[in-house]
C-alpha atoms as a PDB file:
ATOM      1  CA  UNK A   1      56.603 117.466  81.329  1.00  0.00           C
ATOM      2  CA  UNK A   2      54.496 115.988  83.601  1.00  0.00           C
ATOM      3  CA  UNK A   3      53.598 112.438  82.830  1.00  0.00           C
ATOM      4  CA  UNK A   4      50.105 112.073  81.520  1.00  0.00           C
ATOM      5  CA  UNK A   5      47.700 109.309  83.786  1.00  0.00           C
ATOM      6  CA  UNK A   6      46.735 108.172  80.648  1.00  0.00           C
ATOM      7  CA  UNK A   7      46.113 104.341  80.349  1.00  0.00           C
ATOM      8  CA  UNK A   8      47.908 101.852  77.534  1.00  0.00           C
ATOM      9  CA  UNK A   9      46.452  99.172  75.619  1.00  0.00           C
ATOM     10  CA  UNK A  10      49.062  96.273  75.141  1.00  0.00           C
ATOM     11  CA  UNK A  11      47.923  92.851  73.996  1.00  0.00           C
ATOM     12  CA  UNK A  12      49.118  89.349  74.327  1.00  0.00           C
ATOM     13  CA  UNK A  13      51.560  88.687  71.179  1.00  0.00           C
ATOM     14  CA  UNK A  14      49.384  85.505  70.709  1.00  0.00           C
ATOM     15  CA  UNK A  15      46.846  87.921  69.105  1.00  0.00           C
ATOM     16  CA  UNK A  16      46.382  88.402  65.622  1.00  0.00           C
ATOM     17  CA  UNK A  17      47.469  91.975  66.296  1.00  0.00           C
ATOM     18  CA  UNK A  18      50.130  91.821  65.200  1.00  0.00           C
ATOM     19  CA  UNK A  19      53.488  89.369  64.409  1.00  0.00           C
ATOM     20  CA  UNK A  20      55.699  88.332  67.227  1.00  0.00           C
ATOM     21  CA  UNK A  21      59.575  88.983  67.207  1.00  0.00           C
ATOM     22  CA  UNK A  22      61.739  85.955  67.139  1.00  0.00           C
ATOM     23  CA  UNK A  23      63.197  84.137  70.087  1.00  0.00           C
ATOM     24  CA  UNK A  24      66.044  85.453  72.566  1.00  0.00           C
ATOM     25  CA  UNK A  25      68.584  82.764  72.804  1.00  0.00           C
ATOM     26  CA  UNK A  26      69.721  82.250  76.443  1.00  0.00           C
ATOM     27  CA  UNK A  27      70.471  84.445  78.797  1.00  0.00           C
ATOM     28  CA  UNK A  28      74.298  84.582  79.677  1.00  0.00           C
ATOM     29  CA  UNK A  29      76.522  84.719  82.987  1.00  0.00           C
ATOM     30  CA  UNK A  30      77.193  87.991  84.420  1.00  0.00           C
ATOM     31  CA  UNK A  31      80.214  86.407  86.372  1.00  0.00           C
ATOM     32  CA  UNK A  32      83.210  87.756  85.200  1.00  0.00           C
ATOM     33  CA  UNK A  33      81.518  90.689  83.240  1.00  0.00           C
ATOM     34  CA  UNK A  34      79.245  90.734  80.316  1.00  0.00           C
ATOM     35  CA  UNK A  35      80.186  90.197  76.266  1.00  0.00           C
ATOM     36  CA  UNK A  36      81.039  93.144  74.951  1.00  0.00           C
ATOM     37  CA  UNK A  37      77.336  93.164  72.205  1.00  0.00           C
ATOM     38  CA  UNK A  38      75.165  92.595  74.772  1.00  0.00           C
ATOM     39  CA  UNK A  39      76.667  95.758  76.574  1.00  0.00           C
ATOM     40  CA  UNK A  40      76.721  97.848  73.307  1.00  0.00           C
ATOM     41  CA  UNK A  41      73.545  96.875  71.919  1.00  0.00           C
ATOM     42  CA  UNK A  42      71.689  97.391  75.398  1.00  0.00           C
ATOM     43  CA  UNK A  43      72.879 100.679  75.530  1.00  0.00           C
ATOM     44  CA  UNK A  44      71.778 101.626  71.580  1.00  0.00           C
ATOM     45  CA  UNK A  45      74.837 101.530  69.745  1.00  0.00           C
ATOM     46  CA  UNK A  46      74.197  98.963  67.337  1.00  0.00           C
ATOM     47  CA  UNK A  47      72.650  95.423  66.919  1.00  0.00           C
ATOM     48  CA  UNK A  48      74.365  92.865  68.442  1.00  0.00           C
ATOM     49  CA  UNK A  49      75.001  91.346  64.819  1.00  0.00           C
ATOM     50  CA  UNK A  50      76.067  94.817  64.160  1.00  0.00           C
ATOM     51  CA  UNK A  51      78.506  94.613  66.386  1.00  0.00           C
ATOM     52  CA  UNK A  52      79.906  91.709  66.110  1.00  0.00           C
ATOM     53  CA  UNK A  53      80.685  92.621  62.612  1.00  0.00           C
ATOM     54  CA  UNK A  54      82.653  95.405  63.762  1.00  0.00           C
ATOM     55  CA  UNK A  55      84.285  92.958  65.936  1.00  0.00           C
ATOM     56  CA  UNK A  56      85.660  90.891  62.900  1.00  0.00           C
ATOM     57  CA  UNK A  57      86.368  94.472  61.078  1.00  0.00           C
ATOM     58  CA  UNK A  58      89.094  95.486  63.794  1.00  0.00           C
ATOM     59  CA  UNK A  59      87.228  98.348  64.967  1.00  0.00           C
ATOM     60  CA  UNK A  60      86.637  98.073  68.782  1.00  0.00           C
ATOM     61  CA  UNK A  61      89.707  97.668  71.224  1.00  0.00           C
ATOM     62  CA  UNK A  62      89.716  97.012  74.566  1.00  0.00           C
ATOM     63  CA  UNK A  63      92.614  98.041  76.892  1.00  0.00           C
ATOM     64  CA  UNK A  64      94.619  98.567  73.256  1.00  0.00           C
ATOM     65  CA  UNK A  65      93.744  94.990  72.380  1.00  0.00           C
ATOM     66  CA  UNK A  66      91.443  93.949  69.308  1.00  0.00           C
ATOM     67  CA  UNK A  67      88.308  92.629  70.611  1.00  0.00           C
ATOM     68  CA  UNK A  68      87.923  89.244  69.791  1.00  0.00           C
ATOM     69  CA  UNK A  69      83.967  87.562  69.823  1.00  0.00           C
ATOM     70  CA  UNK A  70      83.600  86.325  73.534  1.00  0.00           C
ATOM     71  CA  UNK A  71      85.291  89.024  75.406  1.00  0.00           C
ATOM     72  CA  UNK A  72      83.631  90.537  78.213  1.00  0.00           C
ATOM     73  CA  UNK A  73      83.489  94.247  79.576  1.00  0.00           C
ATOM     74  CA  UNK A  74      84.686  94.520  83.479  1.00  0.00           C
ATOM     75  CA  UNK A  75      84.905  97.240  85.821  1.00  0.00           C
ATOM     76  CA  UNK A  76      87.654  99.844  84.370  1.00  0.00           C
ATOM     77  CA  UNK A  77      88.056  98.330  81.193  1.00  0.00           C
ATOM     78  CA  UNK A  78      88.797 100.692  78.358  1.00  0.00           C
ATOM     79  CA  UNK A  79      86.634 100.370  75.033  1.00  0.00           C
ATOM     80  CA  UNK A  80      86.913 102.349  71.542  1.00  0.00           C
ATOM     81  CA  UNK A  81      84.848 102.079  68.591  1.00  0.00           C
ATOM     82  CA  UNK A  82      87.145 103.523  65.857  1.00  0.00           C
ATOM     83  CA  UNK A  83      89.839 105.096  68.360  1.00  0.00           C
ATOM     84  CA  UNK A  84      87.121 106.768  69.483  1.00  0.00           C
ATOM     85  CA  UNK A  85      86.111 106.180  74.076  1.00  0.00           C
ATOM     86  CA  UNK A  86      82.659 104.436  74.599  1.00  0.00           C
ATOM     87  CA  UNK A  87      81.370 105.378  77.931  1.00  0.00           C
ATOM     88  CA  UNK A  88      80.112 101.951  78.071  1.00  0.00           C
ATOM     89  CA  UNK A  89      79.654 101.898  81.953  1.00  0.00           C
ATOM     90  CA  UNK A  90      76.769 103.680  81.361  1.00  0.00           C
ATOM     91  CA  UNK A  91      75.583 101.080  79.913  1.00  0.00           C
ATOM     92  CA  UNK A  92      74.910  99.152  83.053  1.00  0.00           C
ATOM     93  CA  UNK A  93      71.989  96.830  83.429  1.00  0.00           C
ATOM     94  CA  UNK A  94      69.250  98.528  84.795  1.00  0.00           C
ATOM     95  CA  UNK A  95      65.539  98.485  85.121  1.00  0.00           C
ATOM     96  CA  UNK A  96      63.900  99.016  81.401  1.00  0.00           C
ATOM     97  CA  UNK A  97      61.870 101.920  81.155  1.00  0.00           C
ATOM     98  CA  UNK A  98      59.232 102.077  78.211  1.00  0.00           C
ATOM     99  CA  UNK A  99      57.061 105.360  77.543  1.00  0.00           C
ATOM    100  CA  UNK A 100      54.586 105.715  75.004  1.00  0.00           C
ATOM    101  CA  UNK A 101      54.926 109.485  73.880  1.00  0.00           C
ATOM    102  CA  UNK A 102      52.261 111.353  71.739  1.00  0.00           C
ATOM    103  CA  UNK A 103      54.386 113.163  69.149  1.00  0.00           C
ATOM    104  CA  UNK A 104      52.887 116.199  67.406  1.00  0.00           C
ATOM    105  CA  UNK A 105      53.389 117.720  64.068  1.00  0.00           C
ATOM    106  CA  UNK A 106      56.698 120.182  63.907  1.00  0.00           C
ATOM    107  CA  UNK A 107      58.775 117.753  65.750  1.00  0.00           C
ATOM    108  CA  UNK A 108      61.695 115.760  64.926  1.00  0.00           C
ATOM    109  CA  UNK A 109      62.932 112.561  66.226  1.00  0.00           C
ATOM    110  CA  UNK A 110      66.610 112.976  66.309  1.00  0.00           C
ATOM    111  CA  UNK A 111      68.346 114.426  69.752  1.00  0.00           C
ATOM    112  CA  UNK A 112      69.588 117.993  68.172  1.00  0.00           C
ATOM    113  CA  UNK A 113      68.416 119.371  64.932  1.00  0.00           C
ATOM    114  CA  UNK A 114      70.573 121.879  62.848  1.00  0.00           C
ATOM    115  CA  UNK A 115      67.835 124.062  62.118  1.00  0.00           C
ATOM    116  CA  UNK A 116      66.413 124.654  65.468  1.00  0.00           C
ATOM    117  CA  UNK A 117      63.286 122.821  65.365  1.00  0.00           C
ATOM    118  CA  UNK A 118      61.907 120.955  68.154  1.00  0.00           C
ATOM    119  CA  UNK A 119      63.219 117.591  69.106  1.00  0.00           C
ATOM    120  CA  UNK A 120      61.007 115.229  71.237  1.00  0.00           C
ATOM    121  CA  UNK A 121      64.098 113.986  73.557  1.00  0.00           C
ATOM    122  CA  UNK A 122      63.564 117.482  74.927  1.00  0.00           C
ATOM    123  CA  UNK A 123      60.049 116.490  76.169  1.00  0.00           C
ATOM    124  CA  UNK A 124      60.882 113.339  78.127  1.00  0.00           C
ATOM    125  CA  UNK A 125      62.153 112.746  81.199  1.00  0.00           C
ATOM    126  CA  UNK A 126      65.928 112.690  81.834  1.00  0.00           C
ATOM    127  CA  UNK A 127      67.663 109.739  82.707  1.00  0.00           C
ATOM    128  CA  UNK A 128      70.463 110.078  85.527  1.00  0.00           C
ATOM    129  CA  UNK A 129      72.351 107.051  83.417  1.00  0.00           C
ATOM    130  CA  UNK A 130      72.336 105.558  79.754  1.00  0.00           C
ATOM    131  CA  UNK A 131      69.756 107.259  77.120  1.00  0.00           C
ATOM    132  CA  UNK A 132      66.529 107.563  75.403  1.00  0.00           C
ATOM    133  CA  UNK A 133      66.476 105.643  72.200  1.00  0.00           C
ATOM    134  CA  UNK A 134      63.359 105.228  69.930  1.00  0.00           C
ATOM    135  CA  UNK A 135      61.546 102.654  68.579  1.00  0.00           C
ATOM    136  CA  UNK A 136      61.594 104.054  64.760  1.00  0.00           C
ATOM    137  CA  UNK A 137      61.174 107.255  63.596  1.00  0.00           C
ATOM    138  CA  UNK A 138      58.097 109.339  62.719  1.00  0.00           C
ATOM    139  CA  UNK A 139      58.563 112.392  59.945  1.00  0.00           C
ATOM    140  CA  UNK A 140      58.113 115.951  61.483  1.00  0.00           C
ATOM    141  CA  UNK A 141      54.674 116.024  59.218  1.00  0.00           C
ATOM    142  CA  UNK A 142      53.397 112.960  61.174  1.00  0.00           C
ATOM    143  CA  UNK A 143      51.730 112.653  64.835  1.00  0.00           C
ATOM    144  CA  UNK A 144      51.315 109.672  67.058  1.00  0.00           C
ATOM    145  CA  UNK A 145      52.249 107.202  68.687  1.00  0.00           C
ATOM    146  CA  UNK A 146      56.341 106.784  69.555  1.00  0.00           C
ATOM    147  CA  UNK A 147      57.853 104.582  71.726  1.00  0.00           C
ATOM    148  CA  UNK A 148      60.932 105.766  73.780  1.00  0.00           C
ATOM    149  CA  UNK A 149      63.022 102.944  75.672  1.00  0.00           C
ATOM    150  CA  UNK A 150      66.632 103.150  77.969  1.00  0.00           C
ATOM    151  CA  UNK A 151      66.699  99.244  76.220  1.00  0.00           C
ATOM    152  CA  UNK A 152      68.484  99.233  73.232  1.00  0.00           C
ATOM    153  CA  UNK A 153      67.968  95.231  72.437  1.00  0.00           C
ATOM    154  CA  UNK A 154      64.386  95.580  73.264  1.00  0.00           C
ATOM    155  CA  UNK A 155      64.644  98.751  70.649  1.00  0.00           C
ATOM    156  CA  UNK A 156      66.192  96.891  67.874  1.00  0.00           C
ATOM    157  CA  UNK A 157      64.421  93.658  68.219  1.00  0.00           C
ATOM    158  CA  UNK A 158      61.016  95.944  67.617  1.00  0.00           C
ATOM    159  CA  UNK A 159      62.335  97.830  64.680  1.00  0.00           C
ATOM    160  CA  UNK A 160      64.461  94.804  63.005  1.00  0.00           C
ATOM    161  CA  UNK A 161      63.161  94.233  59.695  1.00  0.00           C
ATOM    162  CA  UNK A 162      62.896  90.571  60.144  1.00  0.00           C
ATOM    163  CA  UNK A 163      60.417  91.078  62.878  1.00  0.00           C
ATOM    164  CA  UNK A 164      57.626  92.313  60.403  1.00  0.00           C
ATOM    165  CA  UNK A 165      55.830  94.687  63.655  1.00  0.00           C
ATOM    166  CA  UNK A 166      52.604  96.210  62.467  1.00  0.00           C
ATOM    167  CA  UNK A 167      52.213 100.101  61.961  1.00  0.00           C
ATOM    168  CA  UNK A 168      48.914 101.232  62.230  1.00  0.00           C
ATOM    169  CA  UNK A 169      47.893 104.807  61.172  1.00  0.00           C
ATOM    170  CA  UNK A 170      44.643 106.746  60.811  1.00  0.00           C
ATOM    171  CA  UNK A 171      44.984 108.884  57.690  1.00  0.00           C
ATOM    172  CA  UNK A 172      43.046 111.369  55.982  1.00  0.00           C
ATOM    173  CA  UNK A 173      43.143 111.987  52.528  1.00  0.00           C
ATOM    174  CA  UNK A 174      41.572 114.325  50.064  1.00  0.00           C
ATOM    175  CA  UNK A 175      38.598 113.187  47.732  1.00  0.00           C
ATOM    176  CA  UNK A 176      37.479 109.483  47.344  1.00  0.00           C
ATOM    177  CA  UNK A 177      39.661 106.642  46.217  1.00  0.00           C
ATOM    178  CA  UNK A 178      38.316 103.975  43.624  1.00  0.00           C
ATOM    179  CA  UNK A 179      37.844 100.831  45.329  1.00  0.00           C
ATOM    180  CA  UNK A 180      40.635  99.756  41.934  1.00  0.00           C
ATOM    181  CA  UNK A 181      43.253 102.048  43.802  1.00  0.00           C
ATOM    182  CA  UNK A 182      42.642 100.215  47.254  1.00  0.00           C
ATOM    183  CA  UNK A 183      43.161  97.050  45.783  1.00  0.00           C
ATOM    184  CA  UNK A 184      46.434  97.884  44.080  1.00  0.00           C
ATOM    185  CA  UNK A 185      47.525  99.506  47.229  1.00  0.00           C
ATOM    186  CA  UNK A 186      47.211  96.045  49.077  1.00  0.00           C
ATOM    187  CA  UNK A 187      48.349  93.905  46.410  1.00  0.00           C
ATOM    188  CA  UNK A 188      51.856  96.372  46.139  1.00  0.00           C
ATOM    189  CA  UNK A 189      53.334  98.807  43.924  1.00  0.00           C
ATOM    190  CA  UNK A 190      56.756  99.796  43.046  1.00  0.00           C
ATOM    191  CA  UNK A 191      58.402 102.625  44.603  1.00  0.00           C
ATOM    192  CA  UNK A 192      61.861 103.945  44.246  1.00  0.00           C
ATOM    193  CA  UNK A 193      63.080 101.914  46.909  1.00  0.00           C
ATOM    194  CA  UNK A 194      61.395  98.466  45.983  1.00  0.00           C
ATOM    195  CA  UNK A 195      57.817  97.201  45.809  1.00  0.00           C
ATOM    196  CA  UNK A 196      55.720  98.352  49.004  1.00  0.00           C
ATOM    197  CA  UNK A 197      51.387  97.435  50.034  1.00  0.00           C
ATOM    198  CA  UNK A 198      49.410  97.842  52.697  1.00  0.00           C
ATOM    199  CA  UNK A 199      48.592  95.033  54.712  1.00  0.00           C
ATOM    200  CA  UNK A 200      45.165  96.075  55.735  1.00  0.00           C
ATOM    201  CA  UNK A 201      43.388  98.935  54.303  1.00  0.00           C
ATOM    202  CA  UNK A 202      39.900 100.043  56.402  1.00  0.00           C
ATOM    203  CA  UNK A 203      37.743 102.906  55.574  1.00  0.00           C
ATOM    204  CA  UNK A 204      36.828 104.822  58.918  1.00  0.00           C
ATOM    205  CA  UNK A 205      34.120 107.595  57.182  1.00  0.00           C
ATOM    206  CA  UNK A 206      34.496 111.297  56.505  1.00  0.00           C
ATOM    207  CA  UNK A 207      32.594 114.459  55.477  1.00  0.00           C
ATOM    208  CA  UNK A 208      32.753 116.167  52.575  1.00  0.00           C
ATOM    209  CA  UNK A 209      36.309 115.862  50.855  1.00  0.00           C
ATOM    210  CA  UNK A 210      38.073 114.601  53.839  1.00  0.00           C
ATOM    211  CA  UNK A 211      38.236 110.912  54.190  1.00  0.00           C
ATOM    212  CA  UNK A 212      39.177 108.829  56.722  1.00  0.00           C
ATOM    213  CA  UNK A 213      41.224 105.349  56.252  1.00  0.00           C
ATOM    214  CA  UNK A 214      43.170 103.003  58.654  1.00  0.00           C
ATOM    215  CA  UNK A 215      46.319 101.648  56.872  1.00  0.00           C
ATOM    216  CA  UNK A 216      48.660  98.546  58.778  1.00  0.00           C
ATOM    217  CA  UNK A 217      52.091  98.135  56.918  1.00  0.00           C
ATOM    218  CA  UNK A 218      55.096  95.822  58.567  1.00  0.00           C
ATOM    219  CA  UNK A 219      57.795  97.596  57.452  1.00  0.00           C
ATOM    220  CA  UNK A 220      59.388 100.871  58.759  1.00  0.00           C
ATOM    221  CA  UNK A 221      60.595 102.480  55.906  1.00  0.00           C
ATOM    222  CA  UNK A 222      60.830 106.394  55.584  1.00  0.00           C
ATOM    223  CA  UNK A 223      57.563 108.117  54.682  1.00  0.00           C
ATOM    224  CA  UNK A 224      56.136 104.615  53.642  1.00  0.00           C
ATOM    225  CA  UNK A 225      52.760 105.455  54.171  1.00  0.00           C
ATOM    226  CA  UNK A 226      52.799 108.903  52.493  1.00  0.00           C
ATOM    227  CA  UNK A 227      54.719 107.802  49.590  1.00  0.00           C
ATOM    228  CA  UNK A 228      52.186 104.770  48.866  1.00  0.00           C
ATOM    229  CA  UNK A 229      49.265 106.921  48.927  1.00  0.00           C
ATOM    230  CA  UNK A 230      50.929 109.311  46.922  1.00  0.00           C
ATOM    231  CA  UNK A 231      51.823 106.642  43.797  1.00  0.00           C
ATOM    232  CA  UNK A 232      48.168 106.692  43.048  1.00  0.00           C
ATOM    233  CA  UNK A 233      47.920 110.495  42.984  1.00  0.00           C
ATOM    234  CA  UNK A 234      45.671 110.645  46.527  1.00  0.00           C
ATOM    235  CA  UNK A 235      47.426 113.818  48.895  1.00  0.00           C
ATOM    236  CA  UNK A 236      47.630 113.193  52.580  1.00  0.00           C
ATOM    237  CA  UNK A 237      46.550 115.668  54.155  1.00  0.00           C
ATOM    238  CA  UNK A 238      46.874 114.576  58.245  1.00  0.00           C
ATOM    239  CA  UNK A 239      48.892 111.239  59.412  1.00  0.00           C
ATOM    240  CA  UNK A 240      48.777 109.708  63.084  1.00  0.00           C
ATOM    241  CA  UNK A 241      49.804 106.663  63.919  1.00  0.00           C
ATOM    242  CA  UNK A 242      47.555 104.689  66.433  1.00  0.00           C
ATOM    243  CA  UNK A 243      49.843 101.323  67.191  1.00  0.00           C
ATOM    244  CA  UNK A 244      52.791  99.758  67.066  1.00  0.00           C
ATOM    245  CA  UNK A 245      52.832  96.203  67.634  1.00  0.00           C
ATOM    246  CA  UNK A 246      50.924  95.541  70.130  1.00  0.00           C
ATOM    247  CA  UNK A 247      50.800  99.212  71.822  1.00  0.00           C
ATOM    248  CA  UNK A 248      47.775 101.196  71.571  1.00  0.00           C
ATOM    249  CA  UNK A 249      48.258 105.298  71.493  1.00  0.00           C
ATOM    250  CA  UNK A 250      46.019 106.026  74.269  1.00  0.00           C
ATOM    251  CA  UNK A 251      42.689 107.914  73.965  1.00  0.00           C
ATOM    252  CA  UNK A 252      43.423 110.296  76.628  1.00  0.00           C
ATOM    253  CA  UNK A 253      47.352 110.950  76.232  1.00  0.00           C
ATOM    254  CA  UNK A 254      47.729 114.074  74.504  1.00  0.00           C
ATOM    255  CA  UNK A 255      50.232 115.834  72.358  1.00  0.00           C
ATOM    256  CA  UNK A 256      53.766 116.382  73.986  1.00  0.00           C
ATOM    257  CA  UNK A 257      52.620 114.183  76.664  1.00  0.00           C
ATOM    258  CA  UNK A 258      53.561 110.683  77.366  1.00  0.00           C
ATOM    259  CA  UNK A 259      52.634 107.288  79.345  1.00  0.00           C
ATOM    260  CA  UNK A 260      55.082 104.806  81.667  1.00  0.00           C
ATOM    261  CA  UNK A 261      54.097 101.322  80.690  1.00  0.00           C
ATOM    262  CA  UNK A 262      55.328  98.789  83.420  1.00  0.00           C
ATOM    263  CA  UNK A 263      54.082  95.665  85.288  1.00  0.00           C
ATOM    264  CA  UNK A 264      52.504  93.417  83.272  1.00  0.00           C
ATOM    265  CA  UNK A 265      52.257  95.989  80.654  1.00  0.00           C
ATOM    266  CA  UNK A 266      56.111  95.526  80.252  1.00  0.00           C
ATOM    267  CA  UNK A 267      56.043  91.924  80.869  1.00  0.00           C
ATOM    268  CA  UNK A 268      53.754  91.657  77.195  1.00  0.00           C
ATOM    269  CA  UNK A 269      56.004  93.837  75.473  1.00  0.00           C
ATOM    270  CA  UNK A 270      59.396  91.540  75.917  1.00  0.00           C
ATOM    271  CA  UNK A 271      57.600  88.350  75.491  1.00  0.00           C
ATOM    272  CA  UNK A 272      56.178  90.292  72.026  1.00  0.00           C
ATOM    273  CA  UNK A 273      59.794  91.096  71.508  1.00  0.00           C
ATOM    274  CA  UNK A 274      60.926  87.289  72.029  1.00  0.00           C
ATOM    275  CA  UNK A 275      62.854  88.530  75.432  1.00  0.00           C
ATOM    276  CA  UNK A 276      62.615  87.033  79.111  1.00  0.00           C
ATOM    277  CA  UNK A 277      60.670  89.545  81.092  1.00  0.00           C
ATOM    278  CA  UNK A 278      63.510  90.681  83.987  1.00  0.00           C
ATOM    279  CA  UNK A 279      63.538  89.485  87.259  1.00  0.00           C
ATOM    280  CA  UNK A 280      63.717  93.327  88.620  1.00  0.00           C
ATOM    281  CA  UNK A 281      61.388  95.243  86.760  1.00  0.00           C
ATOM    282  CA  UNK A 282      58.749  94.606  90.173  1.00  0.00           C
ATOM    283  CA  UNK A 283      60.950  96.317  92.315  1.00  0.00           C
ATOM    284  CA  UNK A 284      60.304  99.703  90.232  1.00  0.00           C
ATOM    285  CA  UNK A 285      57.438 102.211  92.549  1.00  0.00           C
ATOM    286  CA  UNK A 286      53.772 101.809  91.030  1.00  0.00           C
ATOM    287  CA  UNK A 287      52.598 105.195  89.764  1.00  0.00           C
ATOM    288  CA  UNK A 288      50.022 106.990  90.013  1.00  0.00           C
ATOM    289  CA  UNK A 289      47.124 104.759  88.863  1.00  0.00           C
ATOM    290  CA  UNK A 290      46.014 105.857  85.570  1.00  0.00           C
ATOM    291  CA  UNK A 291      42.487 107.543  84.599  1.00  0.00           C
ATOM    292  CA  UNK A 292      40.061 104.348  83.278  1.00  0.00           C
ATOM    293  CA  UNK A 293      39.593 104.542  79.383  1.00  0.00           C
ATOM    294  CA  UNK A 294      38.212 102.187  77.231  1.00  0.00           C
ATOM    295  CA  UNK A 295      39.990  99.571  75.718  1.00  0.00           C
ATOM    296  CA  UNK A 296      40.389  99.397  72.000  1.00  0.00           C
ATOM    297  CA  UNK A 297      39.591  95.912  70.078  1.00  0.00           C
ATOM    298  CA  UNK A 298      40.703  95.235  66.449  1.00  0.00           C
ATOM    299  CA  UNK A 299      38.468  93.838  64.542  1.00  0.00           C
ATOM    300  CA  UNK A 300      39.666  89.849  63.223  1.00  0.00           C
ATOM    301  CA  UNK A 301      41.424  90.317  59.885  1.00  0.00           C
ATOM    302  CA  UNK A 302      39.379  88.962  57.352  1.00  0.00           C
END
């Protein structure tokens, strides 16, 4: 799949477009190896907190001995999780890559689908080491922006519920929606997995019976946007994610295409996630110049 030369729009974390994720702890020295939870989190095996819990539960062994908090991985070490070998060497420190993928409807966000449906990872460039990690998911009937990265720690910070990262969707619905219903959806309604709401709802026009709205949520529960509308008897006929945190879906990025962010854009994403930008990221070769595009600007909240 050739890379689409569309330009992304990443806004600084200080703007009102999204809430900033928690600040990171100080970086650790790499002399004598890296801490186990740091290496595995980078590889997307789990979050650091999850891995620390696994260590407490005795689920990890290093060279046939139970792992202790503070243990570090060195070349040649044999690491097992639940008695299964982890090839942790492929999670070695490497420049972070982040792709903006325009997911079409009909694709699923998984590596292998037992039903044989198309998967998004088959559309991405191959990595020699590590693997692509999807930042959140989109169901098979939802299209739009999907971030993927080879940095598990970055992915976890962007997905973690405590970060409350904004997700913005364009929604096409059938019929008119009373103002009282919109007010209720912003106030909050009870769903089967707890109370939920839209942080913001904006009307975007439409023709005939079809109406377009843009909505914002700050959590990633399964099919949350659809379920909120459906709780009020409203039918969603099309759903497109147009923004995740500070990252906006480029207008010229076609379905099934991707765009790799780099340089200042990548620095802004690191800062938004509360992480220190990598020193070696500027050593990556610069891609071909992207096609200019009008930068999208969000209206300030009222």
